[in-house]
Amino acid sequence: MKLLQAYKFHLIGLVVGAVLGYLYYSQIGCITGTCAITSQPINSTLYGSVMGVLITDFFKKEK
């Protein structure tokens, strides 16, 4: 339980980033299919989740 509380913000960032990454793929995407990140949904979802974790890491307070 303490592990979940320690990484709560990272997990929230992971989920929100993955959802936003998929939404970016589905709404904007890549017309030609040659874009490295947005040409496939798995790529944009993984990229979004990594970015979500990195962004939430900025807001985590050090003890």
Protein backbone atom coordinates (compact mmCIF):
# COMPACT_ATOMS: atom_id res chain seq x y z
CA MET A 1 0.00 0.00 0.00
CA LYS A 2 2.85 2.38 0.75
CA LEU A 3 4.31 1.61 -2.67
CA LEU A 4 1.04 2.64 -4.31
CA GLN A 5 1.00 5.89 -2.34
CA ALA A 6 4.61 6.58 -3.22
CA TYR A 7 3.96 6.31 -6.95
CA LYS A 8 0.41 7.67 -7.00
CA PHE A 9 1.26 10.72 -9.11
CA HIS A 10 3.32 8.65 -11.52
CA LEU A 11 0.44 6.22 -12.04
CA ILE A 12 -1.99 9.08 -12.63
CA GLY A 13 0.44 10.60 -15.13
CA LEU A 14 0.85 7.24 -16.84
CA VAL A 15 -2.89 6.75 -17.31
CA VAL A 16 -3.63 10.35 -18.33
CA GLY A 17 -0.67 10.39 -20.72
CA ALA A 18 -1.72 7.12 -22.32
CA VAL A 19 -5.26 8.38 -22.86
CA LEU A 20 -4.03 11.67 -24.30
CA GLY A 21 -1.56 9.86 -26.53
CA TYR A 22 -4.29 7.66 -27.94
CA LEU A 23 -6.61 10.63 -28.39
CA TYR A 24 -3.87 12.42 -30.28
CA TYR A 25 -3.54 9.42 -32.59
CA SER A 26 -7.26 9.10 -33.17
CA GLN A 27 -8.06 12.79 -33.60
CA ILE A 28 -4.93 14.20 -35.28
CA GLY A 29 -2.74 11.24 -36.21
CA CYS A 30 -0.60 11.08 -39.30
CA ILE A 31 -2.13 11.38 -42.76
CA THR A 32 0.75 9.84 -44.72
CA GLY A 33 1.51 7.00 -42.29
CA THR A 34 5.23 7.80 -42.21
CA CYS A 35 5.28 9.54 -38.83
CA ALA A 36 7.26 7.55 -36.28
CA ILE A 37 5.11 8.25 -33.24
CA THR A 38 1.62 8.94 -34.53
CA SER A 39 1.37 6.38 -37.34
CA GLN A 40 0.28 3.56 -34.99
CA PRO A 41 -1.85 3.74 -31.85
CA ILE A 42 0.56 1.71 -29.71
CA ASN A 43 3.41 4.12 -30.42
CA SER A 44 1.45 7.23 -29.54
CA THR A 45 -0.05 5.59 -26.44
CA LEU A 46 3.35 4.50 -25.12
CA TYR A 47 4.89 7.89 -25.91
CA GLY A 48 2.04 9.65 -24.13
CA SER A 49 2.38 7.47 -21.05
CA VAL A 50 6.13 8.07 -20.82
CA MET A 51 5.60 11.81 -21.20
CA GLY A 52 2.88 11.71 -18.54
CA VAL A 53 5.21 10.04 -16.05
CA LEU A 54 8.01 12.49 -16.80
CA ILE A 55 5.76 15.52 -16.45
CA THR A 56 4.30 14.34 -13.14
CA ASP A 57 7.82 13.74 -11.87
CA PHE A 58 8.38 17.50 -11.97
CA PHE A 59 5.55 18.08 -9.51
CA LYS A 60 6.48 15.39 -6.99
CA LYS A 61 7.81 16.80 -3.73
CA GLU A 62 11.05 15.42 -2.35
CA LYS A 63 11.05 14.26 1.26
